[in-house]
């Protein structure tokens, strides 16, 4: 069934039909009354864009989550934020950027938009993320060809930042963290990281993204790239674009930050209820820590080997919507079918053995029971 207000980003290939009675997602942004005080501030100031007081406050509140050394630069969406961050690193045009094939296509699109070339590697079968040792081996053999690496926080899980810092130190290869879904888990800005603020995320403002980094020069250059190359004047100092957030987007973001402590508890409660409902199904594997130490806006579970498609069909017939959030991996999409890649057996297995179950902040006990019962029947 159609989702109200906004559809998930990969709606070009949904796994749902009109019979589904439990949607895979039901995004929720702050209510109008929570945003109203911020809108009234906009009306009083008559400052609507171009880094006004609300956006400045929003960026500062975000930076405060990371301590005094972090800088936050907001961008119209996370894809643009990742692409502009790569541009700001002054990598050689046409150089390779290593990234996992097991990611949403936005990661690869950001690479190509920056004038660089994606190179797909496989992921660890336990973490579902790139392993820095594997990438280090590749970088040692072909250092001149590897311009940067983008580890992806799989569905919001956090990789081992210390290991990636050690990789950067040992190889000299820049690392940018695609933390699109990792708002709840990201508290370390030593690696530049890009977070999505899309409406489908645990903290969203409609469309938006941000770079958080302890590299002040990098943050400043990305800011310059979002505003025509301007820096303290109306003279364009470099080729750039217009990718600023408006005061209205900041108003939604500030309201979302106000409610985040309570919202996080509601997300966690829903996740724990779903885990409890499926406690008798050991073949359903949750990501490590999901719903107990961290949360994100999707629930992607591991299923018996290569059973995901059959389970999705059975759930659909039982009135439960599902989503293969990352499809078969980036390498299977027409846009990147010819991209360079290493063997991808784990990615191929994950694509056939993982599934996005219904999960949203106000999912009720009846919907959770429906999902659990239907999944039990689907698994036999």
Protein backbone atom coordinates (compact mmCIF):
# COMPACT_ATOMS: atom_id res chain seq x y z
CA UNK A 1 0.00 0.00 0.00
CA UNK A 2 1.18 3.51 -0.66
CA UNK A 3 3.11 5.20 2.12
CA UNK A 4 1.76 8.57 3.29
CA UNK A 5 3.74 11.74 2.52
CA UNK A 6 6.89 10.07 1.16
CA UNK A 7 7.82 6.78 -0.41
CA UNK A 8 11.04 4.90 0.34
CA UNK A 9 13.90 5.92 -1.92
CA UNK A 10 14.05 2.71 -3.93
CA UNK A 11 10.39 2.88 -4.93
CA UNK A 12 11.34 2.20 -8.54
CA UNK A 13 11.31 -1.50 -7.65
CA UNK A 14 8.96 -2.02 -4.70
CA UNK A 15 8.07 -5.45 -3.38
CA UNK A 16 4.52 -4.55 -2.43
CA UNK A 17 1.02 -4.58 -3.82
CA UNK A 18 -2.45 -3.32 -2.92
CA UNK A 19 -3.08 -6.29 -0.59
CA UNK A 20 -0.33 -5.39 1.89
CA UNK A 21 -1.85 -4.37 5.22
CA UNK A 22 1.41 -3.76 7.11
CA UNK A 23 3.61 -1.27 5.27
CA UNK A 24 7.37 -1.75 5.22
CA UNK A 25 7.84 1.85 6.42
CA UNK A 26 5.74 4.75 7.59
CA UNK A 27 7.95 7.84 7.87
CA UNK A 28 7.09 10.48 10.45
CA UNK A 29 8.46 14.02 10.68
CA UNK A 30 7.81 16.52 13.51
CA UNK A 31 4.20 17.67 13.82
CA UNK A 32 3.17 21.11 12.66
CA UNK A 33 2.81 22.45 16.20
CA UNK A 34 6.39 21.44 17.01
CA UNK A 35 7.72 23.27 13.94
CA UNK A 36 5.55 26.39 14.38
CA UNK A 37 7.80 28.25 16.87
CA UNK A 38 10.69 27.95 14.43
CA UNK A 39 8.53 29.12 11.53
CA UNK A 40 7.56 32.16 13.58
CA UNK A 41 11.26 32.93 14.05
CA UNK A 42 11.68 32.79 10.27
CA UNK A 43 8.75 35.18 9.82
CA UNK A 44 10.22 37.62 12.35
CA UNK A 45 13.74 37.54 10.89
CA UNK A 46 12.65 37.41 7.20
CA UNK A 47 15.78 35.36 6.57
CA UNK A 48 14.84 32.34 4.47
CA UNK A 49 18.08 30.82 3.13
CA UNK A 50 21.83 31.51 2.81
CA UNK A 51 22.92 30.22 6.22
CA UNK A 52 20.42 32.00 8.41
CA UNK A 53 20.14 31.79 12.21
CA UNK A 54 18.09 28.57 12.26
CA UNK A 55 20.48 26.66 10.02
CA UNK A 56 23.43 27.95 12.02
CA UNK A 57 21.77 26.75 15.22
CA UNK A 58 20.92 23.38 13.69
CA UNK A 59 24.51 22.81 12.55
CA UNK A 60 25.87 23.81 15.95
CA UNK A 61 23.50 21.48 17.79
CA UNK A 62 24.55 18.66 15.49
CA UNK A 63 28.24 19.45 16.00
CA UNK A 64 27.74 19.45 19.77
CA UNK A 65 26.93 15.73 19.58
CA UNK A 66 30.55 15.09 18.58
CA UNK A 67 32.44 17.35 20.98
CA UNK A 68 34.36 20.55 20.48
CA UNK A 69 36.57 19.50 17.56
CA UNK A 70 33.80 18.61 15.10
CA UNK A 71 32.41 20.78 12.32
CA UNK A 72 29.10 20.13 10.56
CA UNK A 73 28.28 21.28 7.04
CA UNK A 74 24.71 20.72 5.85
CA UNK A 75 23.85 19.92 2.23
CA UNK A 76 20.60 19.44 0.30
CA UNK A 77 20.91 15.64 0.54
CA UNK A 78 23.43 13.02 1.57
CA UNK A 79 24.30 12.03 -2.00
CA UNK A 80 25.36 15.59 -2.72
CA UNK A 81 27.19 15.76 0.60
CA UNK A 82 29.20 12.65 -0.23
CA UNK A 83 29.95 13.81 -3.76
CA UNK A 84 31.03 17.29 -2.66
CA UNK A 85 33.20 15.82 0.09
CA UNK A 86 35.03 13.71 -2.48
CA UNK A 87 35.42 16.79 -4.70
CA UNK A 88 36.79 18.78 -1.77
CA UNK A 89 39.51 16.17 -1.23
CA UNK A 90 41.08 17.09 -4.60
CA UNK A 91 41.45 13.50 -5.73
CA UNK A 92 42.89 12.87 -9.18
CA UNK A 93 40.06 12.99 -11.76
CA UNK A 94 39.12 9.51 -12.92
CA UNK A 95 40.79 7.74 -10.01
CA UNK A 96 39.15 4.76 -8.39
CA UNK A 97 37.12 4.94 -5.20
CA UNK A 98 36.77 1.61 -3.43
CA UNK A 99 33.32 0.95 -1.98
CA UNK A 100 31.24 -2.08 -1.11
CA UNK A 101 28.92 -3.49 -3.73
CA UNK A 102 26.56 -4.12 -0.79
CA UNK A 103 25.21 -0.57 -0.44
CA UNK A 104 22.45 1.67 -1.74
CA UNK A 105 23.17 2.98 -5.24
CA UNK A 106 23.48 6.56 -3.92
CA UNK A 107 27.00 5.74 -2.73
CA UNK A 108 28.15 4.84 -6.23
CA UNK A 109 26.26 7.75 -7.80
CA UNK A 110 28.10 10.16 -5.50
CA UNK A 111 31.41 8.74 -6.72
CA UNK A 112 30.59 9.24 -10.39
CA UNK A 113 29.18 12.73 -9.76
CA UNK A 114 32.55 13.66 -8.26
CA UNK A 115 34.32 12.65 -11.48
CA UNK A 116 35.67 9.45 -9.96
CA UNK A 117 35.21 5.75 -10.74
CA UNK A 118 33.59 3.17 -8.42
CA UNK A 119 35.46 -0.05 -7.70
CA UNK A 120 33.28 -2.62 -5.93
CA UNK A 121 34.64 -4.92 -3.25
CA UNK A 122 32.92 -7.64 -1.27
CA UNK A 123 31.97 -7.28 2.38
CA UNK A 124 32.57 -9.23 5.57
CA UNK A 125 29.87 -11.92 6.02
CA UNK A 126 29.34 -11.02 9.70
CA UNK A 127 29.39 -7.20 9.69
CA UNK A 128 28.10 -6.77 6.10
CA UNK A 129 30.74 -4.03 5.70
CA UNK A 130 34.13 -3.54 4.07
CA UNK A 131 37.08 -5.01 5.93
CA UNK A 132 40.03 -2.59 6.10
CA UNK A 133 42.59 -5.40 5.88
CA UNK A 134 41.10 -6.58 2.59
CA UNK A 135 41.18 -3.04 1.21
CA UNK A 136 44.74 -2.55 2.50
CA UNK A 137 45.90 -5.59 0.54
CA UNK A 138 44.35 -4.12 -2.59
CA UNK A 139 45.80 -0.67 -1.92
CA UNK A 140 49.31 -2.06 -1.45
CA UNK A 141 49.14 -3.76 -4.82
CA UNK A 142 47.52 -0.88 -6.71
CA UNK A 143 48.12 2.20 -4.57
CA UNK A 144 48.37 4.58 -7.50
CA UNK A 145 44.91 3.58 -8.70
CA UNK A 146 43.03 3.91 -5.40
CA UNK A 147 42.06 7.52 -4.75
CA UNK A 148 39.82 6.97 -1.71
CA UNK A 149 37.76 4.40 0.17
CA UNK A 150 34.13 4.69 1.27
CA UNK A 151 33.19 2.23 4.03
CA UNK A 152 29.40 2.08 4.34
CA UNK A 153 27.62 1.76 7.69
CA UNK A 154 25.41 -1.19 6.78
CA UNK A 155 21.83 -0.17 7.57
CA UNK A 156 23.13 2.09 10.36
CA UNK A 157 25.67 -0.22 12.03
CA UNK A 158 29.03 1.38 12.86
CA UNK A 159 32.31 -0.08 11.57
CA UNK A 160 35.51 -0.12 13.63
CA UNK A 161 36.67 3.49 13.20
CA UNK A 162 40.05 2.82 14.83
CA UNK A 163 40.85 0.16 12.23
CA UNK A 164 39.96 2.54 9.42
CA UNK A 165 42.11 5.28 10.95
CA UNK A 166 44.98 2.79 11.09
CA UNK A 167 44.30 1.91 7.44
CA UNK A 168 44.45 5.59 6.46
CA UNK A 169 47.68 6.06 8.39
CA UNK A 170 49.32 2.97 6.88
CA UNK A 171 48.28 3.52 3.26
CA UNK A 172 47.82 7.27 2.92
CA UNK A 173 44.50 6.60 1.17
CA UNK A 174 41.70 9.00 2.23
CA UNK A 175 38.64 7.44 3.89
CA UNK A 176 35.11 8.88 3.89
CA UNK A 177 32.43 7.14 5.91
CA UNK A 178 29.02 6.72 4.30
CA UNK A 179 26.98 6.95 7.49
CA UNK A 180 23.72 7.73 5.72
CA UNK A 181 21.61 5.62 8.10
CA UNK A 182 23.87 5.90 11.14
CA UNK A 183 22.63 9.03 12.93
CA UNK A 184 22.12 7.06 16.15
CA UNK A 185 25.48 5.29 16.10
CA UNK A 186 27.84 8.00 14.83
CA UNK A 187 29.62 9.92 17.59
CA UNK A 188 33.17 9.89 16.24
CA UNK A 189 34.20 12.59 13.73
CA UNK A 190 37.84 11.56 13.28
CA UNK A 191 36.88 10.14 9.89
CA UNK A 192 34.85 12.45 7.66
CA UNK A 193 31.31 11.04 7.69
CA UNK A 194 28.17 11.82 5.73
CA UNK A 195 24.76 11.38 7.35
CA UNK A 196 21.38 11.40 5.61
CA UNK A 197 18.55 13.54 6.99
CA UNK A 198 15.97 12.14 4.58
CA UNK A 199 12.42 11.70 5.84
CA UNK A 200 12.89 7.92 5.97
CA UNK A 201 15.71 8.14 8.54
CA UNK A 202 15.37 8.04 12.34
CA UNK A 203 16.00 11.80 12.39
CA UNK A 204 14.84 13.48 9.22
CA UNK A 205 13.84 16.85 7.90
CA UNK A 206 12.42 15.84 4.51
CA UNK A 207 15.47 16.09 2.28
CA UNK A 208 18.91 16.86 3.61
CA UNK A 209 22.32 15.57 4.57
CA UNK A 210 25.41 16.65 6.41
CA UNK A 211 29.16 16.17 6.60
CA UNK A 212 30.66 15.89 10.08
CA UNK A 213 34.43 16.01 10.41
CA UNK A 214 37.28 17.18 12.62
CA UNK A 215 38.98 18.50 9.48
CA UNK A 216 37.92 22.16 9.58
CA UNK A 217 39.46 22.91 6.19
CA UNK A 218 37.50 20.07 4.57
CA UNK A 219 34.24 21.24 6.15
CA UNK A 220 34.88 24.80 4.97
CA UNK A 221 35.64 23.71 1.41
CA UNK A 222 32.47 21.61 1.24
CA UNK A 223 30.55 24.67 2.48
CA UNK A 224 32.12 26.70 -0.31
CA UNK A 225 31.15 24.05 -2.86
CA UNK A 226 27.51 24.30 -1.73
CA UNK A 227 27.33 28.03 -2.41
CA UNK A 228 28.67 28.79 -5.90
CA UNK A 229 32.29 28.85 -4.71
CA UNK A 230 31.67 31.98 -2.65
CA UNK A 231 33.75 32.61 0.46
CA UNK A 232 33.22 35.94 2.17
CA UNK A 233 32.33 37.71 -1.07
CA UNK A 234 30.20 37.30 -4.17
CA UNK A 235 33.22 36.30 -6.23
CA UNK A 236 33.13 32.66 -7.32
CA UNK A 237 36.51 31.20 -6.44
CA UNK A 238 36.02 27.68 -7.83
CA UNK A 239 33.56 25.64 -9.89
CA UNK A 240 30.77 24.74 -7.48
CA UNK A 241 27.02 24.35 -7.16
CA UNK A 242 24.07 25.49 -5.07
CA UNK A 243 23.32 22.83 -2.45
CA UNK A 244 22.33 24.83 0.63
CA UNK A 245 19.61 23.94 3.10
CA UNK A 246 16.92 26.55 3.67
CA UNK A 247 15.74 27.98 6.98
CA UNK A 248 12.54 25.96 6.54
CA UNK A 249 14.48 22.70 6.41
CA UNK A 250 16.41 23.81 9.49
CA UNK A 251 13.10 24.50 11.28
CA UNK A 252 12.05 20.88 10.77
CA UNK A 253 15.50 19.69 11.80
CA UNK A 254 15.48 21.71 15.02
CA UNK A 255 12.05 20.35 15.93
CA UNK A 256 13.33 16.83 15.20
CA UNK A 257 16.33 17.37 17.49
CA UNK A 258 14.02 18.66 20.23
CA UNK A 259 12.06 15.40 20.16
CA UNK A 260 15.00 13.06 19.50
CA UNK A 261 15.52 11.77 23.07
CA UNK A 262 11.89 10.62 23.30
CA UNK A 263 11.79 9.46 19.69
CA UNK A 264 14.89 7.35 20.20
CA UNK A 265 13.21 5.57 23.08
CA UNK A 266 10.18 4.88 20.90
CA UNK A 267 12.35 3.51 18.10
CA UNK A 268 14.19 1.29 20.58
CA UNK A 269 10.96 0.08 22.18
CA UNK A 270 9.52 -0.89 18.80
CA UNK A 271 12.72 -2.69 17.83
CA UNK A 272 12.77 -4.62 21.09
CA UNK A 273 9.11 -5.60 20.67
CA UNK A 274 9.88 -6.95 17.22
CA UNK A 275 12.89 -8.87 18.48
CA UNK A 276 10.83 -10.40 21.30
CA UNK A 277 8.07 -11.36 18.86
CA UNK A 278 10.62 -13.30 16.81
CA UNK A 279 12.58 -14.78 19.69
CA UNK A 280 11.32 -18.25 18.78
CA UNK A 281 12.68 -18.00 15.23
CA UNK A 282 16.46 -18.46 15.58
CA UNK A 283 16.78 -18.64 11.80
CA UNK A 284 15.87 -14.92 11.69
CA UNK A 285 19.14 -13.06 12.37
CA UNK A 286 19.16 -9.43 13.49
CA UNK A 287 22.22 -7.24 13.04
CA UNK A 288 24.47 -7.23 16.10
CA UNK A 289 23.16 -4.69 18.61
CA UNK A 290 20.15 -3.63 16.54
CA UNK A 291 17.35 -2.70 18.90
CA UNK A 292 19.48 -3.21 22.02
CA UNK A 293 22.36 -0.74 21.73
CA UNK A 294 21.50 1.15 18.55
CA UNK A 295 18.61 1.71 16.20
CA UNK A 296 17.97 2.79 12.67
CA UNK A 297 14.83 3.28 10.62
CA UNK A 298 14.87 -0.11 8.87
CA UNK A 299 14.90 -3.70 10.06
CA UNK A 300 16.98 -5.87 7.73
CA UNK A 301 17.27 -9.46 8.88
CA UNK A 302 19.23 -12.47 7.75
CA UNK A 303 17.18 -15.49 6.64
CA UNK A 304 18.03 -19.07 5.69
CA UNK A 305 20.36 -19.23 2.73
CA UNK A 306 18.85 -17.85 -0.49
CA UNK A 307 15.32 -17.85 0.90
CA UNK A 308 14.61 -14.10 0.81
CA UNK A 309 12.64 -14.00 -2.44
CA UNK A 310 10.38 -16.89 -1.46
CA UNK A 311 9.81 -15.44 2.02
CA UNK A 312 8.98 -12.03 0.52
CA UNK A 313 6.38 -13.60 -1.76
CA UNK A 314 4.79 -15.51 1.10
CA UNK A 315 4.69 -12.41 3.31
CA UNK A 316 3.10 -10.36 0.55
CA UNK A 317 0.38 -12.96 0.19
CA UNK A 318 -0.12 -12.72 3.97
CA UNK A 319 -0.54 -8.95 3.93
CA UNK A 320 3.00 -7.94 4.92
CA UNK A 321 5.06 -5.55 2.81
CA UNK A 322 8.83 -6.11 2.56
CA UNK A 323 11.74 -4.47 0.80
CA UNK A 324 15.07 -5.63 -0.55
CA UNK A 325 16.56 -2.26 0.37
CA UNK A 326 19.81 -2.74 -1.56
CA UNK A 327 18.48 -5.09 -4.24
CA UNK A 328 21.08 -7.46 -5.55
CA UNK A 329 23.92 -5.03 -4.81
CA UNK A 330 25.12 -2.07 -6.84
CA UNK A 331 26.84 -4.28 -9.39
CA UNK A 332 23.48 -5.65 -10.59
CA UNK A 333 22.00 -2.27 -11.53
CA UNK A 334 22.22 -1.08 -15.16
CA UNK A 335 23.95 2.12 -14.07
CA UNK A 336 26.91 0.19 -12.66
CA UNK A 337 26.79 -3.13 -14.51
CA UNK A 338 30.13 -2.38 -16.21
CA UNK A 339 31.91 -1.03 -13.13
CA UNK A 340 35.15 -2.60 -11.99
CA UNK A 341 34.69 -5.20 -9.27
CA UNK A 342 36.36 -7.98 -7.36
CA UNK A 343 34.58 -11.32 -6.79
CA UNK A 344 31.41 -10.70 -4.75
CA UNK A 345 30.21 -14.02 -3.27
CA UNK A 346 29.17 -12.53 0.10
CA UNK A 347 27.25 -9.69 -1.55
CA UNK A 348 25.44 -12.16 -3.77
CA UNK A 349 24.57 -14.34 -0.78
CA UNK A 350 23.36 -11.38 1.28
CA UNK A 351 21.18 -10.19 -1.61
CA UNK A 352 19.49 -13.60 -1.68
CA UNK A 353 19.30 -14.12 2.09
CA UNK A 354 18.37 -10.78 3.70
CA UNK A 355 15.08 -8.93 3.75
CA UNK A 356 13.72 -5.64 5.04
CA UNK A 357 10.79 -6.27 7.38
CA UNK A 358 8.15 -3.67 8.32
CA UNK A 359 9.52 -1.26 10.91
CA UNK A 360 8.48 2.26 11.91
CA UNK A 361 8.40 4.36 15.05
CA UNK A 362 4.70 3.93 15.86
CA UNK A 363 4.36 0.29 14.80
CA UNK A 364 1.82 -1.20 17.19
CA UNK A 365 1.61 -4.56 18.91
CA UNK A 366 -0.97 -5.89 16.46
CA UNK A 367 1.19 -5.03 13.45
CA UNK A 368 4.25 -6.62 15.09
CA UNK A 369 2.27 -9.79 15.85
CA UNK A 370 1.00 -9.88 12.26
CA UNK A 371 4.55 -9.66 10.93
CA UNK A 372 5.87 -12.30 13.34
CA UNK A 373 3.02 -14.73 12.64
CA UNK A 374 3.29 -14.27 8.88
CA UNK A 375 7.05 -14.72 8.96
CA UNK A 376 6.66 -17.90 10.96
CA UNK A 377 4.28 -19.28 8.35
CA UNK A 378 6.58 -18.18 5.52
CA UNK A 379 9.51 -20.00 7.10
CA UNK A 380 7.43 -23.15 7.58
